[in-house]
Amino acid sequence: MSEEVRKSQTQALQESLVTFLMEIIGAPDDEEIARNAAQVVRELDVRMAAEQAQRV
C-alpha cells in the first residue's frame, strides 16, 4: 500500500471520528453510535501506531 493511500485512509478515519463525536454529542445515550465510534478510535489508534513505528 502506498504512503499516499495510507494517509488518505488515516484522514478518512479521522473525519469519521469527528462525525461520530458530533453524533455522540447529539445522542449521548445511543449505544450503537458509541460502539461505532469506539471501533473507529481503535482502528485509528492501530493505524497511527503503525505509522509512528515506520517513522522510527
PDB file of N, CA and C in Angstrom:
ATOM      1  N   MET A   1       0.846  -1.172   0.000  1.00  0.00           N
ATOM      2  CA  MET A   1       0.000   0.000   0.000  1.00  0.00           C
ATOM      3  C   MET A   1       0.893   1.237   0.000  1.00  0.00           C
ATOM      4  N   SER A   2       0.574   2.174  -0.849  1.00  0.00           N
ATOM      5  CA  SER A   2       1.413   3.357  -0.958  1.00  0.00           C
ATOM      6  C   SER A   2       1.189   4.304   0.223  1.00  0.00           C
ATOM      7  N   GLU A   3       2.168   5.140   0.442  1.00  0.00           N
ATOM      8  CA  GLU A   3       2.109   6.127   1.524  1.00  0.00           C
ATOM      9  C   GLU A   3       0.905   7.054   1.334  1.00  0.00           C
ATOM     10  N   GLU A   4       0.646   7.422   0.119  1.00  0.00           N
ATOM     11  CA  GLU A   4      -0.472   8.324  -0.184  1.00  0.00           C
ATOM     12  C   GLU A   4      -1.818   7.678   0.167  1.00  0.00           C
ATOM     13  N   VAL A   5      -1.966   6.402  -0.139  1.00  0.00           N
ATOM     14  CA  VAL A   5      -3.199   5.680   0.182  1.00  0.00           C
ATOM     15  C   VAL A   5      -3.363   5.575   1.688  1.00  0.00           C
ATOM     16  N   ARG A   6      -2.280   5.269   2.403  1.00  0.00           N
ATOM     17  CA  ARG A   6      -2.352   5.173   3.867  1.00  0.00           C
ATOM     18  C   ARG A   6      -2.759   6.505   4.485  1.00  0.00           C
ATOM     19  N   LYS A   7      -2.181   7.594   3.996  1.00  0.00           N
ATOM     20  CA  LYS A   7      -2.539   8.912   4.525  1.00  0.00           C
ATOM     21  C   LYS A   7      -4.000   9.224   4.256  1.00  0.00           C
ATOM     22  N   SER A   8      -4.477   8.860   3.082  1.00  0.00           N
ATOM     23  CA  SER A   8      -5.876   9.090   2.725  1.00  0.00           C
ATOM     24  C   SER A   8      -6.800   8.288   3.629  1.00  0.00           C
ATOM     25  N   GLN A   9      -6.437   7.042   3.898  1.00  0.00           N
ATOM     26  CA  GLN A   9      -7.252   6.196   4.769  1.00  0.00           C
ATOM     27  C   GLN A   9      -7.235   6.711   6.206  1.00  0.00           C
ATOM     28  N   THR A  10      -6.089   7.172   6.658  1.00  0.00           N
ATOM     29  CA  THR A  10      -5.991   7.734   8.009  1.00  0.00           C
ATOM     30  C   THR A  10      -6.852   8.984   8.111  1.00  0.00           C
ATOM     31  N   GLN A  11      -6.793   9.822   7.098  1.00  0.00           N
ATOM     32  CA  GLN A  11      -7.600  11.040   7.094  1.00  0.00           C
ATOM     33  C   GLN A  11      -9.092  10.688   7.096  1.00  0.00           C
ATOM     34  N   ALA A  12      -9.481   9.677   6.358  1.00  0.00           N
ATOM     35  CA  ALA A  12     -10.884   9.255   6.329  1.00  0.00           C
ATOM     36  C   ALA A  12     -11.322   8.780   7.713  1.00  0.00           C
ATOM     37  N   LEU A  13     -10.463   8.048   8.408  1.00  0.00           N
ATOM     38  CA  LEU A  13     -10.790   7.606   9.765  1.00  0.00           C
ATOM     39  C   LEU A  13     -10.918   8.796  10.709  1.00  0.00           C
ATOM     40  N   GLN A  14     -10.028   9.761  10.576  1.00  0.00           N
ATOM     41  CA  GLN A  14     -10.092  10.949  11.424  1.00  0.00           C
ATOM     42  C   GLN A  14     -11.385  11.717  11.191  1.00  0.00           C
ATOM     43  N   GLU A  15     -11.774  11.858   9.944  1.00  0.00           N
ATOM     44  CA  GLU A  15     -13.013  12.556   9.626  1.00  0.00           C
ATOM     45  C   GLU A  15     -14.220  11.772  10.145  1.00  0.00           C
ATOM     46  N   SER A  16     -14.160  10.461  10.052  1.00  0.00           N
ATOM     47  CA  SER A  16     -15.232   9.620  10.572  1.00  0.00           C
ATOM     48  C   SER A  16     -15.353   9.789  12.084  1.00  0.00           C
ATOM     49  N   LEU A  17     -14.230   9.857  12.751  1.00  0.00           N
ATOM     50  CA  LEU A  17     -14.237  10.044  14.199  1.00  0.00           C
ATOM     51  C   LEU A  17     -14.902  11.363  14.572  1.00  0.00           C
ATOM     52  N   VAL A  18     -14.576  12.414  13.858  1.00  0.00           N
ATOM     53  CA  VAL A  18     -15.195  13.721  14.126  1.00  0.00           C
ATOM     54  C   VAL A  18     -16.708  13.630  13.943  1.00  0.00           C
ATOM     55  N   THR A  19     -17.138  12.953  12.888  1.00  0.00           N
ATOM     56  CA  THR A  19     -18.569  12.783  12.639  1.00  0.00           C
ATOM     57  C   THR A  19     -19.233  12.028  13.788  1.00  0.00           C
ATOM     58  N   PHE A  20     -18.591  10.944  14.235  1.00  0.00           N
ATOM     59  CA  PHE A  20     -19.155  10.181  15.351  1.00  0.00           C
ATOM     60  C   PHE A  20     -19.199  11.006  16.627  1.00  0.00           C
ATOM     61  N   LEU A  21     -18.175  11.800  16.873  1.00  0.00           N
ATOM     62  CA  LEU A  21     -18.180  12.634  18.078  1.00  0.00           C
ATOM     63  C   LEU A  21     -19.340  13.621  18.045  1.00  0.00           C
ATOM     64  N   MET A  22     -19.618  14.175  16.877  1.00  0.00           N
ATOM     65  CA  MET A  22     -20.760  15.087  16.751  1.00  0.00           C
ATOM     66  C   MET A  22     -22.073  14.334  16.983  1.00  0.00           C
ATOM     67  N   GLU A  23     -22.154  13.104  16.491  1.00  0.00           N
ATOM     68  CA  GLU A  23     -23.351  12.294  16.709  1.00  0.00           C
ATOM     69  C   GLU A  23     -23.516  11.954  18.190  1.00  0.00           C
ATOM     70  N   ILE A  24     -22.419  11.673  18.860  1.00  0.00           N
ATOM     71  CA  ILE A  24     -22.474  11.369  20.295  1.00  0.00           C
ATOM     72  C   ILE A  24     -22.973  12.580  21.077  1.00  0.00           C
ATOM     73  N   ILE A  25     -22.525  13.756  20.703  1.00  0.00           N
ATOM     74  CA  ILE A  25     -22.998  14.972  21.362  1.00  0.00           C
ATOM     75  C   ILE A  25     -24.501  15.111  21.187  1.00  0.00           C
ATOM     76  N   GLY A  26     -24.985  14.769  19.990  1.00  0.00           N
ATOM     77  CA  GLY A  26     -26.415  14.881  19.713  1.00  0.00           C
ATOM     78  C   GLY A  26     -27.253  13.774  20.328  1.00  0.00           C
ATOM     79  N   ALA A  27     -26.649  12.629  20.550  1.00  0.00           N
ATOM     80  CA  ALA A  27     -27.384  11.486  21.101  1.00  0.00           C
ATOM     81  C   ALA A  27     -26.489  10.733  22.080  1.00  0.00           C
ATOM     82  N   PRO A  28     -26.219  11.322  23.234  1.00  0.00           N
ATOM     83  CA  PRO A  28     -25.238  10.735  24.159  1.00  0.00           C
ATOM     84  C   PRO A  28     -25.616   9.368  24.721  1.00  0.00           C
ATOM     85  N   ASP A  29     -26.880   8.980  24.636  1.00  0.00           N
ATOM     86  CA  ASP A  29     -27.303   7.687  25.179  1.00  0.00           C
ATOM     87  C   ASP A  29     -27.416   6.593  24.118  1.00  0.00           C
ATOM     88  N   ASP A  30     -27.049   6.903  22.885  1.00  0.00           N
ATOM     89  CA  ASP A  30     -27.166   5.921  21.795  1.00  0.00           C
ATOM     90  C   ASP A  30     -25.960   4.982  21.829  1.00  0.00           C
ATOM     91  N   GLU A  31     -26.205   3.756  22.254  1.00  0.00           N
ATOM     92  CA  GLU A  31     -25.110   2.789  22.410  1.00  0.00           C
ATOM     93  C   GLU A  31     -24.509   2.362  21.073  1.00  0.00           C
ATOM     94  N   GLU A  32     -25.311   2.290  20.041  1.00  0.00           N
ATOM     95  CA  GLU A  32     -24.792   1.883  18.730  1.00  0.00           C
ATOM     96  C   GLU A  32     -23.794   2.912  18.200  1.00  0.00           C
ATOM     97  N   ILE A  33     -24.139   4.177  18.329  1.00  0.00           N
ATOM     98  CA  ILE A  33     -23.207   5.230  17.910  1.00  0.00           C
ATOM     99  C   ILE A  33     -21.923   5.133  18.717  1.00  0.00           C
ATOM    100  N   ALA A  34     -22.044   4.916  20.015  1.00  0.00           N
ATOM    101  CA  ALA A  34     -20.860   4.814  20.878  1.00  0.00           C
ATOM    102  C   ALA A  34     -19.993   3.626  20.472  1.00  0.00           C
ATOM    103  N   ARG A  35     -20.609   2.484  20.178  1.00  0.00           N
ATOM    104  CA  ARG A  35     -19.834   1.310  19.746  1.00  0.00           C
ATOM    105  C   ARG A  35     -19.123   1.582  18.427  1.00  0.00           C
ATOM    106  N   ASN A  36     -19.824   2.199  17.500  1.00  0.00           N
ATOM    107  CA  ASN A  36     -19.211   2.502  16.204  1.00  0.00           C
ATOM    108  C   ASN A  36     -18.068   3.501  16.356  1.00  0.00           C
ATOM    109  N   ALA A  37     -18.262   4.478  17.201  1.00  0.00           N
ATOM    110  CA  ALA A  37     -17.199   5.455  17.445  1.00  0.00           C
ATOM    111  C   ALA A  37     -15.994   4.782  18.092  1.00  0.00           C
ATOM    112  N   ALA A  38     -16.247   3.880  19.027  1.00  0.00           N
ATOM    113  CA  ALA A  38     -15.156   3.171  19.695  1.00  0.00           C
ATOM    114  C   ALA A  38     -14.364   2.339  18.695  1.00  0.00           C
ATOM    115  N   GLN A  39     -15.047   1.728  17.747  1.00  0.00           N
ATOM    116  CA  GLN A  39     -14.365   0.948  16.718  1.00  0.00           C
ATOM    117  C   GLN A  39     -13.466   1.841  15.865  1.00  0.00           C
ATOM    118  N   VAL A  40     -13.956   3.017  15.512  1.00  0.00           N
ATOM    119  CA  VAL A  40     -13.141   3.946  14.728  1.00  0.00           C
ATOM    120  C   VAL A  40     -11.912   4.372  15.521  1.00  0.00           C
ATOM    121  N   VAL A  41     -12.093   4.631  16.812  1.00  0.00           N
ATOM    122  CA  VAL A  41     -10.958   5.011  17.664  1.00  0.00           C
ATOM    123  C   VAL A  41      -9.917   3.897  17.679  1.00  0.00           C
ATOM    124  N   ARG A  42     -10.372   2.647  17.825  1.00  0.00           N
ATOM    125  CA  ARG A  42      -9.426   1.523  17.835  1.00  0.00           C
ATOM    126  C   ARG A  42      -8.682   1.410  16.502  1.00  0.00           C
ATOM    127  N   GLU A  43      -9.413   1.523  15.400  1.00  0.00           N
ATOM    128  CA  GLU A  43      -8.781   1.428  14.079  1.00  0.00           C
ATOM    129  C   GLU A  43      -7.784   2.572  13.860  1.00  0.00           C
ATOM    130  N   LEU A  44      -8.178   3.764  14.265  1.00  0.00           N
ATOM    131  CA  LEU A  44      -7.290   4.908  14.113  1.00  0.00           C
ATOM    132  C   LEU A  44      -6.053   4.758  14.985  1.00  0.00           C
ATOM    133  N   ASP A  45      -6.226   4.241  16.185  1.00  0.00           N
ATOM    134  CA  ASP A  45      -5.098   4.024  17.085  1.00  0.00           C
ATOM    135  C   ASP A  45      -4.094   3.045  16.483  1.00  0.00           C
ATOM    136  N   VAL A  46      -4.597   1.939  15.942  1.00  0.00           N
ATOM    137  CA  VAL A  46      -3.718   0.947  15.316  1.00  0.00           C
ATOM    138  C   VAL A  46      -2.978   1.565  14.137  1.00  0.00           C
ATOM    139  N   ARG A  47      -3.708   2.281  13.305  1.00  0.00           N
ATOM    140  CA  ARG A  47      -3.105   2.876  12.112  1.00  0.00           C
ATOM    141  C   ARG A  47      -2.040   3.910  12.486  1.00  0.00           C
ATOM    142  N   MET A  48      -2.353   4.761  13.455  1.00  0.00           N
ATOM    143  CA  MET A  48      -1.394   5.800  13.833  1.00  0.00           C
ATOM    144  C   MET A  48      -0.171   5.198  14.526  1.00  0.00           C
ATOM    145  N   ALA A  49      -0.361   4.142  15.304  1.00  0.00           N
ATOM    146  CA  ALA A  49       0.777   3.469  15.934  1.00  0.00           C
ATOM    147  C   ALA A  49       1.682   2.863  14.864  1.00  0.00           C
ATOM    148  N   ALA A  50       1.086   2.271  13.850  1.00  0.00           N
ATOM    149  CA  ALA A  50       1.871   1.694  12.757  1.00  0.00           C
ATOM    150  C   ALA A  50       2.637   2.776  11.995  1.00  0.00           C
ATOM    151  N   GLU A  51       1.984   3.902  11.767  1.00  0.00           N
ATOM    152  CA  GLU A  51       2.665   4.998  11.084  1.00  0.00           C
ATOM    153  C   GLU A  51       3.821   5.532  11.921  1.00  0.00           C
ATOM    154  N   GLN A  52       3.610   5.638  13.220  1.00  0.00           N
ATOM    155  CA  GLN A  52       4.680   6.100  14.104  1.00  0.00           C
ATOM    156  C   GLN A  52       5.833   5.133  14.108  1.00  0.00           C
ATOM    157  N   ALA A  53       5.561   3.835  14.120  1.00  0.00           N
ATOM    158  CA  ALA A  53       6.602   2.825  14.122  1.00  0.00           C
ATOM    159  C   ALA A  53       7.425   2.875  12.836  1.00  0.00           C
ATOM    160  N   GLN A  54       6.797   3.217  11.733  1.00  0.00           N
ATOM    161  CA  GLN A  54       7.519   3.325  10.465  1.00  0.00           C
ATOM    162  C   GLN A  54       8.477   4.504  10.452  1.00  0.00           C
ATOM    163  N   ARG A  55       8.154   5.541  11.197  1.00  0.00           N
ATOM    164  CA  ARG A  55       8.993   6.744  11.248  1.00  0.00           C
ATOM    165  C   ARG A  55      10.251   6.528  12.076  1.00  0.00           C
ATOM    166  N   VAL A  56      10.176   5.581  13.009  1.00  0.00           N
ATOM    167  CA  VAL A  56      11.300   5.358  13.934  1.00  0.00           C
ATOM    168  C   VAL A  56      12.345   4.490  13.285  1.00  0.00           C
TER     169      VAL A  56
END
